[in-house]
């Protein structure tokens, strides 16, 4: 299920800032938890350098890997996946937006 607060926050960020990358979202998540990169990386079971590269947009994750990070954080894998897919579209210069639909509810 999609966390409604996360979706609302994403929409607010997007309206104010435009595109918000996965790395920027992850950094915001870390800062809201008031964690250093070292402590947050430990929580994600990755190195601090890898976290830095993700936050700075030097490294991009697969949907599967982003979903696994969401689970480690106790958050929505679908929302993390959405950010990754949206990033790919943005980097490809495609002006479109990803929308999540719960297939169980849509049926």
N, C-alpha and C. Protein backbone atom coordinates (compact mmCIF):
# COMPACT_ATOMS: atom_id res chain seq x y z
N UNK A 1 0.84 -1.18 0.00
CA UNK A 1 0.00 0.00 0.00
C UNK A 1 0.89 1.25 0.00
N UNK A 2 0.48 2.26 -0.67
CA UNK A 2 1.23 3.50 -0.78
C UNK A 2 0.95 4.34 0.46
N UNK A 3 2.02 4.82 1.05
CA UNK A 3 1.89 5.72 2.19
C UNK A 3 1.36 7.06 1.69
N UNK A 4 0.17 7.45 2.15
CA UNK A 4 -0.46 8.68 1.65
C UNK A 4 0.37 9.91 1.98
N UNK A 5 1.03 9.93 3.14
CA UNK A 5 1.87 11.07 3.49
C UNK A 5 3.06 11.18 2.55
N UNK A 6 3.64 10.02 2.17
CA UNK A 6 4.76 10.02 1.24
C UNK A 6 4.32 10.56 -0.12
N UNK A 7 3.15 10.15 -0.59
CA UNK A 7 2.64 10.63 -1.87
C UNK A 7 2.38 12.13 -1.81
N UNK A 8 1.80 12.59 -0.72
CA UNK A 8 1.53 14.02 -0.56
C UNK A 8 2.84 14.80 -0.53
N UNK A 9 3.82 14.30 0.22
CA UNK A 9 5.12 14.97 0.30
C UNK A 9 5.77 15.04 -1.08
N UNK A 10 5.68 13.95 -1.86
CA UNK A 10 6.25 13.92 -3.20
C UNK A 10 5.59 14.97 -4.08
N UNK A 11 4.27 15.09 -3.99
CA UNK A 11 3.55 16.07 -4.79
C UNK A 11 3.94 17.49 -4.40
N UNK A 12 4.10 17.75 -3.10
CA UNK A 12 4.50 19.08 -2.64
C UNK A 12 5.89 19.40 -3.14
N UNK A 13 6.84 18.45 -2.98
CA UNK A 13 8.20 18.66 -3.49
C UNK A 13 8.19 18.96 -4.97
N UNK A 14 7.43 18.18 -5.71
CA UNK A 14 7.40 18.33 -7.16
C UNK A 14 6.86 19.70 -7.56
N UNK A 15 5.80 20.15 -6.90
CA UNK A 15 5.22 21.45 -7.22
C UNK A 15 6.18 22.59 -6.90
N UNK A 16 6.95 22.44 -5.84
CA UNK A 16 7.88 23.50 -5.43
C UNK A 16 9.19 23.43 -6.22
N UNK A 17 9.74 22.23 -6.30
CA UNK A 17 11.08 22.05 -6.83
C UNK A 17 11.15 21.53 -8.26
N UNK A 18 10.07 20.98 -8.77
CA UNK A 18 10.14 20.28 -10.04
C UNK A 18 10.50 18.83 -9.77
N UNK A 19 11.29 18.22 -10.64
CA UNK A 19 11.66 16.82 -10.48
C UNK A 19 12.49 16.61 -9.20
N UNK A 20 12.12 15.61 -8.41
CA UNK A 20 12.89 15.21 -7.23
C UNK A 20 13.44 13.81 -7.53
N UNK A 21 14.75 13.70 -7.53
CA UNK A 21 15.38 12.42 -7.86
C UNK A 21 15.28 11.44 -6.69
N UNK A 22 15.54 10.18 -7.00
CA UNK A 22 15.57 9.16 -5.96
C UNK A 22 16.61 9.52 -4.90
N UNK A 23 17.78 9.94 -5.35
CA UNK A 23 18.84 10.32 -4.42
C UNK A 23 18.44 11.48 -3.52
N UNK A 24 17.77 12.47 -4.09
CA UNK A 24 17.31 13.61 -3.29
C UNK A 24 16.25 13.17 -2.29
N UNK A 25 15.37 12.29 -2.72
CA UNK A 25 14.35 11.78 -1.81
C UNK A 25 14.99 11.00 -0.68
N UNK A 26 15.97 10.15 -1.01
CA UNK A 26 16.64 9.35 0.00
C UNK A 26 17.39 10.25 1.00
N UNK A 27 18.02 11.28 0.48
CA UNK A 27 18.73 12.25 1.36
C UNK A 27 17.73 12.94 2.29
N UNK A 28 16.59 13.35 1.76
CA UNK A 28 15.56 13.97 2.59
C UNK A 28 15.08 13.01 3.67
N UNK A 29 14.92 11.76 3.30
CA UNK A 29 14.52 10.72 4.25
C UNK A 29 15.56 10.63 5.37
N UNK A 30 16.84 10.59 4.99
CA UNK A 30 17.93 10.49 5.97
C UNK A 30 17.95 11.70 6.90
N UNK A 31 17.83 12.89 6.32
CA UNK A 31 17.85 14.10 7.13
C UNK A 31 16.65 14.19 8.06
N UNK A 32 15.50 13.72 7.61
CA UNK A 32 14.32 13.74 8.48
C UNK A 32 14.49 12.80 9.67
N UNK A 33 15.31 11.77 9.49
CA UNK A 33 15.62 10.83 10.58
C UNK A 33 16.78 11.35 11.43
N UNK A 34 17.38 12.47 11.00
CA UNK A 34 18.52 13.09 11.67
C UNK A 34 19.69 12.11 11.82
N UNK A 35 19.98 11.41 10.71
CA UNK A 35 21.06 10.44 10.70
C UNK A 35 22.21 10.93 9.81
N UNK A 36 23.42 10.59 10.21
CA UNK A 36 24.58 10.86 9.36
C UNK A 36 24.56 9.89 8.19
N UNK A 37 25.35 10.18 7.17
CA UNK A 37 25.44 9.24 6.05
C UNK A 37 25.96 7.89 6.53
N UNK A 38 26.91 7.92 7.45
CA UNK A 38 27.48 6.68 7.97
C UNK A 38 26.42 5.83 8.66
N UNK A 39 25.62 6.44 9.53
CA UNK A 39 24.59 5.69 10.25
C UNK A 39 23.46 5.23 9.34
N UNK A 40 23.09 6.08 8.39
CA UNK A 40 22.01 5.72 7.46
C UNK A 40 22.47 4.60 6.54
N UNK A 41 23.72 4.68 6.08
CA UNK A 41 24.26 3.63 5.22
C UNK A 41 24.27 2.29 5.96
N UNK A 42 24.61 2.33 7.22
CA UNK A 42 24.61 1.10 8.03
C UNK A 42 23.20 0.51 8.09
N UNK A 43 22.21 1.37 8.26
CA UNK A 43 20.81 0.93 8.29
C UNK A 43 20.39 0.29 6.97
N UNK A 44 20.93 0.83 5.87
CA UNK A 44 20.61 0.33 4.52
C UNK A 44 21.51 -0.84 4.10
N UNK A 45 22.49 -1.15 4.93
CA UNK A 45 23.44 -2.23 4.64
C UNK A 45 24.24 -1.97 3.36
N UNK A 46 24.64 -0.69 3.21
CA UNK A 46 25.51 -0.29 2.10
C UNK A 46 26.64 0.55 2.68
N UNK A 47 27.64 0.84 1.86
CA UNK A 47 28.75 1.66 2.34
C UNK A 47 28.35 3.14 2.33
N UNK A 48 28.98 3.95 3.20
CA UNK A 48 28.71 5.39 3.17
C UNK A 48 29.02 6.01 1.81
N UNK A 49 30.07 5.51 1.12
CA UNK A 49 30.42 6.03 -0.21
C UNK A 49 29.31 5.75 -1.22
N UNK A 50 28.73 4.54 -1.15
CA UNK A 50 27.64 4.21 -2.07
C UNK A 50 26.44 5.10 -1.79
N UNK A 51 26.13 5.32 -0.52
CA UNK A 51 25.02 6.22 -0.17
C UNK A 51 25.28 7.62 -0.70
N UNK A 52 26.50 8.10 -0.53
CA UNK A 52 26.86 9.43 -1.04
C UNK A 52 26.66 9.49 -2.55
N UNK A 53 27.11 8.46 -3.25
CA UNK A 53 26.96 8.43 -4.71
C UNK A 53 25.49 8.41 -5.13
N UNK A 54 24.65 7.70 -4.40
CA UNK A 54 23.21 7.66 -4.70
C UNK A 54 22.60 9.03 -4.45
N UNK A 55 22.90 9.61 -3.30
CA UNK A 55 22.33 10.93 -2.96
C UNK A 55 22.75 12.01 -3.95
N UNK A 56 23.98 11.93 -4.44
CA UNK A 56 24.50 12.95 -5.37
C UNK A 56 24.15 12.66 -6.83
N UNK A 57 23.46 11.53 -7.09
CA UNK A 57 23.07 11.22 -8.45
C UNK A 57 24.19 10.66 -9.30
N UNK A 58 25.23 10.13 -8.66
CA UNK A 58 26.33 9.51 -9.41
C UNK A 58 26.12 8.02 -9.59
N UNK A 59 25.16 7.46 -8.83
CA UNK A 59 24.84 6.04 -8.93
C UNK A 59 23.33 5.90 -8.96
N UNK A 60 22.85 5.04 -9.86
CA UNK A 60 21.42 4.82 -10.01
C UNK A 60 21.10 3.39 -9.64
N UNK A 61 19.95 3.19 -9.03
CA UNK A 61 19.55 1.87 -8.57
C UNK A 61 18.49 1.26 -9.47
N UNK A 62 18.42 -0.05 -9.42
CA UNK A 62 17.33 -0.76 -10.10
C UNK A 62 16.08 -0.64 -9.24
N UNK A 63 14.94 -0.91 -9.84
CA UNK A 63 13.68 -0.90 -9.10
C UNK A 63 13.75 -1.92 -7.96
N UNK A 64 14.28 -3.08 -8.26
CA UNK A 64 14.37 -4.14 -7.25
C UNK A 64 15.21 -3.71 -6.04
N UNK A 65 16.35 -3.10 -6.32
CA UNK A 65 17.22 -2.66 -5.22
C UNK A 65 16.58 -1.54 -4.41
N UNK A 66 15.93 -0.61 -5.07
CA UNK A 66 15.24 0.48 -4.37
C UNK A 66 14.14 -0.08 -3.47
N UNK A 67 13.41 -1.07 -3.97
CA UNK A 67 12.35 -1.70 -3.18
C UNK A 67 12.92 -2.37 -1.93
N UNK A 68 14.08 -3.00 -2.07
CA UNK A 68 14.72 -3.64 -0.92
C UNK A 68 15.14 -2.60 0.13
N UNK A 69 15.62 -1.44 -0.33
CA UNK A 69 15.98 -0.38 0.61
C UNK A 69 14.75 0.11 1.35
N UNK A 70 13.64 0.23 0.65
CA UNK A 70 12.39 0.67 1.28
C UNK A 70 11.99 -0.29 2.39
N UNK A 71 12.11 -1.57 2.12
CA UNK A 71 11.75 -2.58 3.13
C UNK A 71 12.65 -2.43 4.36
N UNK A 72 13.94 -2.21 4.15
CA UNK A 72 14.86 -2.02 5.27
C UNK A 72 14.48 -0.80 6.11
N UNK A 73 13.90 0.20 5.45
CA UNK A 73 13.49 1.42 6.15
C UNK A 73 12.06 1.34 6.67
N UNK A 74 11.38 0.25 6.36
CA UNK A 74 9.99 0.11 6.79
C UNK A 74 9.06 1.03 6.02
N UNK A 75 9.42 1.30 4.78
CA UNK A 75 8.61 2.20 3.96
C UNK A 75 8.05 1.46 2.76
N UNK A 76 7.38 2.19 1.90
CA UNK A 76 6.69 1.63 0.75
C UNK A 76 7.64 1.29 -0.41
N UNK A 77 7.79 0.00 -0.74
CA UNK A 77 8.61 -0.35 -1.90
C UNK A 77 8.07 0.26 -3.19
N UNK A 78 6.75 0.39 -3.29
CA UNK A 78 6.14 0.95 -4.50
C UNK A 78 6.56 2.41 -4.71
N UNK A 79 6.60 3.18 -3.65
CA UNK A 79 6.98 4.59 -3.77
C UNK A 79 8.45 4.72 -4.14
N UNK A 80 9.29 3.91 -3.53
CA UNK A 80 10.71 3.95 -3.87
C UNK A 80 10.90 3.56 -5.34
N UNK A 81 10.16 2.55 -5.79
CA UNK A 81 10.23 2.13 -7.18
C UNK A 81 9.77 3.25 -8.11
N UNK A 82 8.73 3.95 -7.71
CA UNK A 82 8.22 5.06 -8.50
C UNK A 82 9.31 6.10 -8.73
N UNK A 83 10.04 6.45 -7.68
CA UNK A 83 11.11 7.44 -7.81
C UNK A 83 12.19 6.97 -8.79
N UNK A 84 12.55 5.70 -8.73
CA UNK A 84 13.57 5.16 -9.62
C UNK A 84 13.10 5.22 -11.08
N UNK A 85 11.89 4.78 -11.33
CA UNK A 85 11.34 4.79 -12.69
C UNK A 85 11.22 6.22 -13.20
N UNK A 86 10.74 7.12 -12.35
CA UNK A 86 10.61 8.52 -12.75
C UNK A 86 11.97 9.11 -13.09
N UNK A 87 12.99 8.75 -12.31
CA UNK A 87 14.36 9.20 -12.60
C UNK A 87 14.81 8.76 -13.99
N UNK A 88 14.55 7.51 -14.32
CA UNK A 88 14.96 7.00 -15.63
C UNK A 88 14.29 7.77 -16.76
N UNK A 89 13.02 8.04 -16.61
CA UNK A 89 12.29 8.81 -17.63
C UNK A 89 12.86 10.22 -17.74
N UNK A 90 13.13 10.84 -16.59
CA UNK A 90 13.67 12.20 -16.56
C UNK A 90 15.03 12.25 -17.26
N UNK A 91 15.90 11.29 -16.94
CA UNK A 91 17.24 11.26 -17.56
C UNK A 91 17.16 11.00 -19.05
N UNK A 92 16.12 10.30 -19.50
CA UNK A 92 15.95 10.03 -20.93
C UNK A 92 15.31 11.22 -21.66
N UNK A 93 14.98 12.27 -20.93
CA UNK A 93 14.38 13.44 -21.54
C UNK A 93 12.91 13.27 -21.88
N UNK A 94 12.27 12.29 -21.28
CA UNK A 94 10.85 12.04 -21.55
C UNK A 94 10.00 12.80 -20.54
N UNK A 95 9.14 13.64 -21.04
CA UNK A 95 8.30 14.47 -20.20
C UNK A 95 7.00 13.74 -19.88
N UNK A 96 7.09 12.77 -18.98
CA UNK A 96 5.91 12.03 -18.57
C UNK A 96 6.03 11.69 -17.09
N UNK A 97 4.93 11.31 -16.52
CA UNK A 97 4.90 11.07 -15.08
C UNK A 97 4.40 9.65 -14.80
N UNK A 98 5.03 9.01 -13.85
CA UNK A 98 4.65 7.67 -13.43
C UNK A 98 3.51 7.79 -12.42
N UNK A 99 2.55 6.90 -12.56
CA UNK A 99 1.44 6.87 -11.62
C UNK A 99 1.30 5.44 -11.10
N UNK A 100 1.18 5.30 -9.79
CA UNK A 100 0.99 3.98 -9.21
C UNK A 100 -0.49 3.68 -9.08
N UNK A 101 -0.85 2.47 -9.49
CA UNK A 101 -2.23 2.02 -9.37
C UNK A 101 -2.21 0.70 -8.63
N UNK A 102 -2.98 0.61 -7.57
CA UNK A 102 -3.09 -0.63 -6.83
C UNK A 102 -3.98 -1.57 -7.63
N UNK A 103 -3.40 -2.62 -8.18
CA UNK A 103 -4.15 -3.53 -9.05
C UNK A 103 -5.26 -4.25 -8.31
N UNK A 104 -5.09 -4.47 -7.03
CA UNK A 104 -6.14 -5.14 -6.25
C UNK A 104 -7.38 -4.26 -6.14
N UNK A 105 -7.17 -2.95 -6.00
CA UNK A 105 -8.29 -2.02 -5.90
C UNK A 105 -8.89 -1.70 -7.25
N UNK A 106 -8.05 -1.72 -8.31
CA UNK A 106 -8.53 -1.37 -9.64
C UNK A 106 -9.41 -2.46 -10.24
N UNK A 107 -9.25 -3.68 -9.77
CA UNK A 107 -10.01 -4.81 -10.34
C UNK A 107 -11.46 -4.80 -9.92
